[in-house]
Amino acid sequence: MPADLKLLSIKRDGDGLRTEWSDGVAGVVPFRTLRANCPCATCNDERAKPADPFRVLSAREVAAGELVPVAMRPVGHYAYQITWNDGHDAGIFTLDALRTLGRPPA
């Protein structure tokens, strides 16, 4: 990402995050896409394993239902840490990642 490119705003928009950038580009990152691309070590390890067709959801996962962010906090001037309704909060999403994951708003 060019050094002069800035994130002007980030806000909840339906079932995703809407981003607006200093170059005029706007994007929406669906929550499902964010969670599927969580950059933390635990999620990376899980994605590297073969799929388990007999995996049983934990009680916490069942209680959480649809996964949605419940909090976000900036990490320096380069990323956001997202806390999800199932308690997961290890992923730090860089501005580069948010820009890459975003799609044009509908």
C-alpha atoms as a PDB file:
ATOM      1  CA  MET A   1       0.000   0.000   0.000  1.00  0.00           C
ATOM      2  CA  PRO A   2       1.469   3.390  -0.931  1.00  0.00           C
ATOM      3  CA  ALA A   3       2.625   5.443   2.059  1.00  0.00           C
ATOM      4  CA  ASP A   4       0.395   8.360   1.093  1.00  0.00           C
ATOM      5  CA  LEU A   5      -2.765   6.180   0.986  1.00  0.00           C
ATOM      6  CA  LYS A   6      -4.857   6.715   4.122  1.00  0.00           C
ATOM      7  CA  LEU A   7      -7.949   5.045   5.561  1.00  0.00           C
ATOM      8  CA  LEU A   8     -10.447   7.893   5.925  1.00  0.00           C
ATOM      9  CA  SER A   9     -13.231   5.944   7.612  1.00  0.00           C
ATOM     10  CA  ILE A  10     -14.225   2.488   8.742  1.00  0.00           C
ATOM     11  CA  LYS A  11     -17.700   1.661  10.015  1.00  0.00           C
ATOM     12  CA  ARG A  12     -20.196  -1.135  10.324  1.00  0.00           C
ATOM     13  CA  ASP A  13     -22.388  -1.476   7.250  1.00  0.00           C
ATOM     14  CA  GLY A  14     -24.984  -4.247   7.513  1.00  0.00           C
ATOM     15  CA  ASP A  15     -23.072  -7.509   7.708  1.00  0.00           C
ATOM     16  CA  GLY A  16     -19.658  -6.035   6.950  1.00  0.00           C
ATOM     17  CA  LEU A  17     -17.211  -3.188   7.419  1.00  0.00           C
ATOM     18  CA  ARG A  18     -17.291  -0.267   5.010  1.00  0.00           C
ATOM     19  CA  THR A  19     -13.955   1.383   4.296  1.00  0.00           C
ATOM     20  CA  GLU A  20     -13.267   4.661   2.541  1.00  0.00           C
ATOM     21  CA  TRP A  21      -9.763   5.506   1.344  1.00  0.00           C
ATOM     22  CA  SER A  22      -7.984   8.740   0.493  1.00  0.00           C
ATOM     23  CA  ASP A  23      -7.774   7.772  -3.197  1.00  0.00           C
ATOM     24  CA  GLY A  24     -11.587   7.714  -3.439  1.00  0.00           C
ATOM     25  CA  VAL A  25     -11.957   3.933  -3.308  1.00  0.00           C
ATOM     26  CA  ALA A  26     -14.693   2.572  -1.040  1.00  0.00           C
ATOM     27  CA  GLY A  27     -15.083  -1.056  -0.107  1.00  0.00           C
ATOM     28  CA  VAL A  28     -17.112  -3.415   2.024  1.00  0.00           C
ATOM     29  CA  VAL A  29     -15.529  -6.391   3.753  1.00  0.00           C
ATOM     30  CA  PRO A  30     -18.189  -8.936   4.782  1.00  0.00           C
ATOM     31  CA  PHE A  31     -17.795 -10.199   8.368  1.00  0.00           C
ATOM     32  CA  ARG A  32     -17.710 -13.762   7.022  1.00  0.00           C
ATOM     33  CA  THR A  33     -14.738 -12.833   4.814  1.00  0.00           C
ATOM     34  CA  LEU A  34     -12.944 -11.165   7.722  1.00  0.00           C
ATOM     35  CA  ARG A  35     -13.337 -14.176   9.975  1.00  0.00           C
ATOM     36  CA  ALA A  36     -12.379 -16.628   7.216  1.00  0.00           C
ATOM     37  CA  ASN A  37      -9.176 -14.628   6.689  1.00  0.00           C
ATOM     38  CA  CYS A  38      -8.256 -14.081  10.340  1.00  0.00           C
ATOM     39  CA  PRO A  39      -4.450 -13.737  10.329  1.00  0.00           C
ATOM     40  CA  CYS A  40      -3.797 -15.122  13.818  1.00  0.00           C
ATOM     41  CA  ALA A  41      -1.606 -18.197  14.330  1.00  0.00           C
ATOM     42  CA  THR A  42      -4.487 -20.356  15.601  1.00  0.00           C
ATOM     43  CA  CYS A  43      -6.665 -19.641  12.568  1.00  0.00           C
ATOM     44  CA  ASN A  44      -3.727 -20.118  10.189  1.00  0.00           C
ATOM     45  CA  ASP A  45      -3.021 -23.505  11.811  1.00  0.00           C
ATOM     46  CA  GLU A  46      -6.690 -24.524  11.508  1.00  0.00           C
ATOM     47  CA  ARG A  47      -6.804 -23.564   7.822  1.00  0.00           C
ATOM     48  CA  ALA A  48      -3.648 -25.617   7.169  1.00  0.00           C
ATOM     49  CA  LYS A  49      -5.240 -28.824   8.502  1.00  0.00           C
ATOM     50  CA  PRO A  50      -7.359 -31.072   6.320  1.00  0.00           C
ATOM     51  CA  ALA A  51     -11.096 -30.537   6.817  1.00  0.00           C
ATOM     52  CA  ASP A  52     -12.600 -32.726   9.552  1.00  0.00           C
ATOM     53  CA  PRO A  53     -16.050 -33.910   8.426  1.00  0.00           C
ATOM     54  CA  PHE A  54     -16.784 -35.110  11.987  1.00  0.00           C
ATOM     55  CA  ARG A  55     -15.853 -31.886  13.768  1.00  0.00           C
ATOM     56  CA  VAL A  56     -18.278 -31.094  16.572  1.00  0.00           C
ATOM     57  CA  LEU A  57     -18.914 -27.453  17.428  1.00  0.00           C
ATOM     58  CA  SER A  58     -18.063 -26.420  20.961  1.00  0.00           C
ATOM     59  CA  ALA A  59     -20.830 -25.050  23.194  1.00  0.00           C
ATOM     60  CA  ARG A  60     -19.271 -21.594  22.819  1.00  0.00           C
ATOM     61  CA  GLU A  61     -19.408 -21.817  19.017  1.00  0.00           C
ATOM     62  CA  VAL A  62     -23.037 -22.934  19.084  1.00  0.00           C
ATOM     63  CA  ALA A  63     -24.002 -20.139  21.497  1.00  0.00           C
ATOM     64  CA  ALA A  64     -22.279 -17.524  19.339  1.00  0.00           C
ATOM     65  CA  GLY A  65     -24.398 -18.382  16.289  1.00  0.00           C
ATOM     66  CA  GLU A  66     -23.430 -16.159  13.361  1.00  0.00           C
ATOM     67  CA  LEU A  67     -19.981 -14.706  13.950  1.00  0.00           C
ATOM     68  CA  VAL A  68     -19.981 -10.921  14.151  1.00  0.00           C
ATOM     69  CA  PRO A  69     -17.538  -8.380  15.584  1.00  0.00           C
ATOM     70  CA  VAL A  70     -18.475  -6.903  18.947  1.00  0.00           C
ATOM     71  CA  ALA A  71     -15.481  -4.573  19.275  1.00  0.00           C
ATOM     72  CA  MET A  72     -12.624  -3.129  17.252  1.00  0.00           C
ATOM     73  CA  ARG A  73      -9.600  -1.235  18.411  1.00  0.00           C
ATOM     74  CA  PRO A  74      -6.815   0.370  16.415  1.00  0.00           C
ATOM     75  CA  VAL A  75      -3.346  -1.119  16.701  1.00  0.00           C
ATOM     76  CA  GLY A  76      -0.882   1.664  16.062  1.00  0.00           C
ATOM     77  CA  HIS A  77      -1.531   3.392  12.755  1.00  0.00           C
ATOM     78  CA  TYR A  78      -1.456   0.224  10.685  1.00  0.00           C
ATOM     79  CA  ALA A  79      -4.131  -2.252  11.829  1.00  0.00           C
ATOM     80  CA  TYR A  80      -7.290  -3.087  13.782  1.00  0.00           C
ATOM     81  CA  GLN A  81      -7.820  -5.849  16.319  1.00  0.00           C
ATOM     82  CA  ILE A  82     -11.315  -7.338  16.113  1.00  0.00           C
ATOM     83  CA  THR A  83     -13.116  -9.067  18.986  1.00  0.00           C
ATOM     84  CA  TRP A  84     -15.813 -11.502  17.826  1.00  0.00           C
ATOM     85  CA  ASN A  85     -18.979 -12.580  19.619  1.00  0.00           C
ATOM     86  CA  ASP A  86     -17.436 -16.006  20.298  1.00  0.00           C
ATOM     87  CA  GLY A  87     -14.594 -14.338  22.229  1.00  0.00           C
ATOM     88  CA  HIS A  88     -11.920 -14.722  19.532  1.00  0.00           C
ATOM     89  CA  ASP A  89      -9.717 -11.617  19.473  1.00  0.00           C
ATOM     90  CA  ALA A  90      -6.260 -12.721  18.335  1.00  0.00           C
ATOM     91  CA  GLY A  91      -6.449 -11.491  14.746  1.00  0.00           C
ATOM     92  CA  ILE A  92      -4.889  -8.156  13.853  1.00  0.00           C
ATOM     93  CA  PHE A  93      -6.071  -6.984  10.440  1.00  0.00           C
ATOM     94  CA  THR A  94      -3.626  -4.635   8.731  1.00  0.00           C
ATOM     95  CA  LEU A  95      -4.878  -1.773   6.596  1.00  0.00           C
ATOM     96  CA  ASP A  96      -3.374  -3.597   3.612  1.00  0.00           C
ATOM     97  CA  ALA A  97      -5.505  -6.646   4.418  1.00  0.00           C
ATOM     98  CA  LEU A  98      -8.668  -4.556   4.800  1.00  0.00           C
ATOM     99  CA  ARG A  99      -7.979  -2.885   1.456  1.00  0.00           C
ATOM    100  CA  THR A 100      -7.328  -6.242  -0.254  1.00  0.00           C
ATOM    101  CA  LEU A 101     -10.379  -7.992   1.254  1.00  0.00           C
ATOM    102  CA  GLY A 102     -12.751  -5.129   0.422  1.00  0.00           C
ATOM    103  CA  ARG A 103     -15.107  -5.291  -2.519  1.00  0.00           C
ATOM    104  CA  PRO A 104     -16.987  -2.402  -4.077  1.00  0.00           C
ATOM    105  CA  PRO A 105     -20.170  -1.523  -2.153  1.00  0.00           C
ATOM    106  CA  ALA A 106     -23.439  -2.765  -3.615  1.00  0.00           C
END
